[in-house]
Structure formats: C-alpha cells, structure tokens
C-alpha atoms as a PDB file:
ATOM      1  CA  MET A   1      24.969  16.715  97.411  1.00  0.00           C
ATOM      2  CA  LYS A   2      21.946  16.003  99.501  1.00  0.00           C
ATOM      3  CA  THR A   3      18.737  15.401  97.784  1.00  0.00           C
ATOM      4  CA  ALA A   4      15.395  15.504  99.740  1.00  0.00           C
ATOM      5  CA  THR A   5      12.561  13.285  98.443  1.00  0.00           C
ATOM      6  CA  THR A   6       8.917  13.862  99.598  1.00  0.00           C
ATOM      7  CA  ASN A   7       5.848  11.957  98.850  1.00  0.00           C
ATOM      8  CA  PRO A   8       3.134  14.339  97.944  1.00  0.00           C
ATOM      9  CA  THR A   9       0.054  14.294 100.130  1.00  0.00           C
ATOM     10  CA  THR A  10      -3.527  15.115  99.157  1.00  0.00           C
ATOM     11  CA  PHE A  11      -5.120  17.752 101.092  1.00  0.00           C
ATOM     12  CA  THR A  12      -8.627  18.814 101.434  1.00  0.00           C
ATOM     13  CA  LEU A  13      -9.196  22.585 101.839  1.00  0.00           C
ATOM     14  CA  THR A  14     -12.428  23.989 103.285  1.00  0.00           C
ATOM     15  CA  ILE A  15     -12.890  27.507 101.788  1.00  0.00           C
ATOM     16  CA  ASP A  16     -15.127  30.041 102.884  1.00  0.00           C
ATOM     17  CA  GLY A  17     -16.765  32.833 100.669  1.00  0.00           C
ATOM     18  CA  MET A  18     -17.251  30.743  97.531  1.00  0.00           C
ATOM     19  CA  THR A  19     -20.871  30.788  96.030  1.00  0.00           C
ATOM     20  CA  CYS A  20     -20.611  30.360  92.312  1.00  0.00           C
ATOM     21  CA  GLY A  21     -18.537  29.182  89.125  1.00  0.00           C
ATOM     22  CA  HIS A  22     -16.632  32.402  89.069  1.00  0.00           C
ATOM     23  CA  CYS A  23     -15.448  31.652  92.562  1.00  0.00           C
ATOM     24  CA  VAL A  24     -14.428  28.271  91.583  1.00  0.00           C
ATOM     25  CA  GLN A  25     -12.317  29.594  88.551  1.00  0.00           C
ATOM     26  CA  THR A  26     -10.718  32.150  90.769  1.00  0.00           C
ATOM     27  CA  VAL A  27      -9.587  29.612  93.474  1.00  0.00           C
ATOM     28  CA  THR A  28      -8.610  27.135  90.841  1.00  0.00           C
ATOM     29  CA  LYS A  29      -6.248  29.752  89.270  1.00  0.00           C
ATOM     30  CA  ALA A  30      -4.955  30.718  92.551  1.00  0.00           C
ATOM     31  CA  LEU A  31      -4.176  27.262  93.578  1.00  0.00           C
ATOM     32  CA  ALA A  32      -2.515  26.492  90.299  1.00  0.00           C
ATOM     33  CA  SER A  33      -0.159  29.399  90.860  1.00  0.00           C
ATOM     34  CA  VAL A  34       1.485  27.931  93.896  1.00  0.00           C
ATOM     35  CA  PRO A  35       4.664  26.046  92.796  1.00  0.00           C
ATOM     36  CA  GLY A  36       4.533  22.195  93.775  1.00  0.00           C
ATOM     37  CA  VAL A  37       0.703  22.241  94.015  1.00  0.00           C
ATOM     38  CA  ALA A  38      -1.383  19.893  91.805  1.00  0.00           C
ATOM     39  CA  VAL A  39      -5.012  20.714  91.765  1.00  0.00           C
ATOM     40  CA  ARG A  40      -7.114  17.575  91.845  1.00  0.00           C
ATOM     41  CA  SER A  41     -10.562  19.275  92.115  1.00  0.00           C
ATOM     42  CA  VAL A  42     -12.293  22.560  93.028  1.00  0.00           C
ATOM     43  CA  ALA A  43     -16.036  23.122  93.980  1.00  0.00           C
ATOM     44  CA  VAL A  44     -17.912  25.598  95.757  1.00  0.00           C
ATOM     45  CA  GLY A  45     -16.678  25.657  99.176  1.00  0.00           C
ATOM     46  CA  SER A  46     -13.840  23.132  98.876  1.00  0.00           C
ATOM     47  CA  ALA A  47     -10.933  21.913  96.852  1.00  0.00           C
ATOM     48  CA  GLN A  48      -8.661  18.944  96.905  1.00  0.00           C
ATOM     49  CA  ILE A  49      -4.837  19.432  96.225  1.00  0.00           C
ATOM     50  CA  THR A  50      -1.682  17.500  96.045  1.00  0.00           C
ATOM     51  CA  ALA A  51       1.311  19.283  97.630  1.00  0.00           C
ATOM     52  CA  PRO A  52       4.745  18.088  98.819  1.00  0.00           C
ATOM     53  CA  ASP A  53       4.683  19.414 102.478  1.00  0.00           C
ATOM     54  CA  GLY A  54       2.819  21.573 105.007  1.00  0.00           C
ATOM     55  CA  LEU A  55       4.844  24.690 104.093  1.00  0.00           C
ATOM     56  CA  THR A  56       3.269  24.579 100.555  1.00  0.00           C
ATOM     57  CA  VAL A  57      -0.076  24.123 101.999  1.00  0.00           C
ATOM     58  CA  ALA A  58       0.522  26.994 104.149  1.00  0.00           C
ATOM     59  CA  LYS A  59       1.458  28.998 101.115  1.00  0.00           C
ATOM     60  CA  VAL A  60      -1.869  27.946  99.479  1.00  0.00           C
ATOM     61  CA  VAL A  61      -4.060  29.079 102.483  1.00  0.00           C
ATOM     62  CA  GLU A  62      -2.057  32.652 102.231  1.00  0.00           C
ATOM     63  CA  VAL A  63      -2.582  32.783  98.462  1.00  0.00           C
ATOM     64  CA  LEU A  64      -6.257  32.130  98.877  1.00  0.00           C
ATOM     65  CA  GLY A  65      -6.248  34.804 101.705  1.00  0.00           C
ATOM     66  CA  GLU A  66      -4.866  37.346  99.208  1.00  0.00           C
ATOM     67  CA  ALA A  67      -7.676  36.420  96.760  1.00  0.00           C
ATOM     68  CA  GLY A  68     -10.162  37.093  99.510  1.00  0.00           C
ATOM     69  CA  TYR A  69     -11.036  33.656 100.584  1.00  0.00           C
ATOM     70  CA  THR A  70     -10.461  32.096 104.062  1.00  0.00           C
ATOM     71  CA  ALA A  71      -9.154  28.533 103.929  1.00  0.00           C
ATOM     72  CA  ARG A  72      -8.456  25.611 106.147  1.00  0.00           C
ATOM     73  CA  ALA A  73      -6.416  22.389 105.271  1.00  0.00           C
ATOM     74  CA  SER A  74      -6.470  18.787 106.342  1.00  0.00           C
ATOM     75  CA  GLU A  75      -5.026  15.564 104.993  1.00  0.00           C
ATOM     76  CA  LEU A  76      -7.655  13.922 102.777  1.00  0.00           C
ATOM     77  CA  THR A  77     -10.715  12.460 104.420  1.00  0.00           C
ATOM     78  CA  PRO A  78     -13.994  11.674 102.985  1.00  0.00           C
ATOM     79  CA  GLY A  79     -16.845  13.995 103.659  1.00  0.00           C
ATOM     80  CA  THR A  80     -14.922  17.286 104.729  1.00  0.00           C
ATOM     81  CA  ALA A  81     -16.461  19.747 102.129  1.00  0.00           C
ATOM     82  CA  THR A  82     -18.834  22.253 103.615  1.00  0.00           C
ATOM     83  CA  ASP A  83     -20.903  24.901 102.202  1.00  0.00           C
ATOM     84  CA  ALA A  84     -19.837  28.510 102.325  1.00  0.00           C
ATOM     85  CA  GLY A  85     -21.892  29.275 105.348  1.00  0.00           C
ATOM     86  CA  PRO A  86     -24.544  32.106 106.120  1.00  0.00           C
ATOM     87  CA  GLY A  87     -23.467  35.557 105.249  1.00  0.00           C
ATOM     88  CA  ALA A  88     -20.804  34.542 102.607  1.00  0.00           C
ATOM     89  CA  SER A  89     -20.629  36.604  99.335  1.00  0.00           C
ATOM     90  CA  CYS A  90     -19.413  35.900  96.049  1.00  0.00           C
ATOM     91  CA  CYS A  91     -15.876  36.195  94.507  1.00  0.00           C
ATOM     92  CA  GLY A  92     -13.657  36.615  97.459  1.00  0.00           C
ATOM     93  CA  GLY A  93     -16.043  36.819 100.436  1.00  0.00           C
ATOM     94  CA  ALA A  94     -17.998  39.507 102.073  1.00  0.00           C
ATOM     95  CA  LYS A  95     -14.780  41.639 102.795  1.00  0.00           C
ATOM     96  CA  LYS A  96     -13.751  41.765  99.252  1.00  0.00           C
ATOM     97  CA  ASN A  97     -17.144  42.546  97.642  1.00  0.00           C
ATOM     98  CA  ALA A  98     -19.351  43.995 100.080  1.00  0.00           C
ATOM     99  CA  ALA A  99     -19.753  47.367  98.248  1.00  0.00           C
ATOM    100  CA  ARG A 100     -21.076  45.773  95.234  1.00  0.00           C
ATOM    101  CA  GLY A 101     -22.806  42.775  96.671  1.00  0.00           C
ATOM    102  CA  GLY A 102     -20.740  40.011  94.852  1.00  0.00           C
ATOM    103  CA  CYS A 103     -20.420  39.419  91.084  1.00  0.00           C
ATOM    104  CA  CYS A 104     -23.655  37.417  90.405  1.00  0.00           C
ATOM    105  CA  GLY A 105     -26.158  39.741  91.873  1.00  0.00           C
END
C-alpha cells in the first residue's frame, strides 16, 4: 500500500467583496468547511490558510465563489492583503446583495 505524505503550505488569499465582520464570519465558516484546510486568520479582504496541496486551494476558491466572494491564492508572502476595492458590497459581493444593498446598510 502506497501512502502519500504532503507538507501543508500556508497560502494567502485575497478576497474581494468583504467589507464587515459578518463577511469575516461567513468566509471563516466557508474556509473551515473544506476538508484539509486549517484557517490561520481571516480579516476583511484577506485570509491565511494552511492546505496540503493546490487542489485543496482550488476547492477553497470554488467554495468562496459559491458564497459570493472572488478569491485569489498565493503562497504566503508578507504584505499581500488588499482592501475590497471600490464598488464592493457586503456579505458576498455586489452580485449577491445588490438588491438589498448589503447587510450593514
């Protein structure tokens, strides 16, 4: 029987559409739902996770997309977090909440 061992890697996610604490909670829950992912930190516009491989990270990006957020991943490098950018709305991005103007307003 062949057993594969992988060394988990820490990734930085840049996540568009996050503007508040509720967004942080939603993203944290979504990240935690992906098997093999350890959530290191989540802040408005970014997250750090540890994952065993790129396929798992691709699943994370997919799950965040299903929650209404656009995400990009890179291996951990300092200073990669960005703000949500102009036109972003709360709790899943403009597409998800355009009709009601976000959850905080």
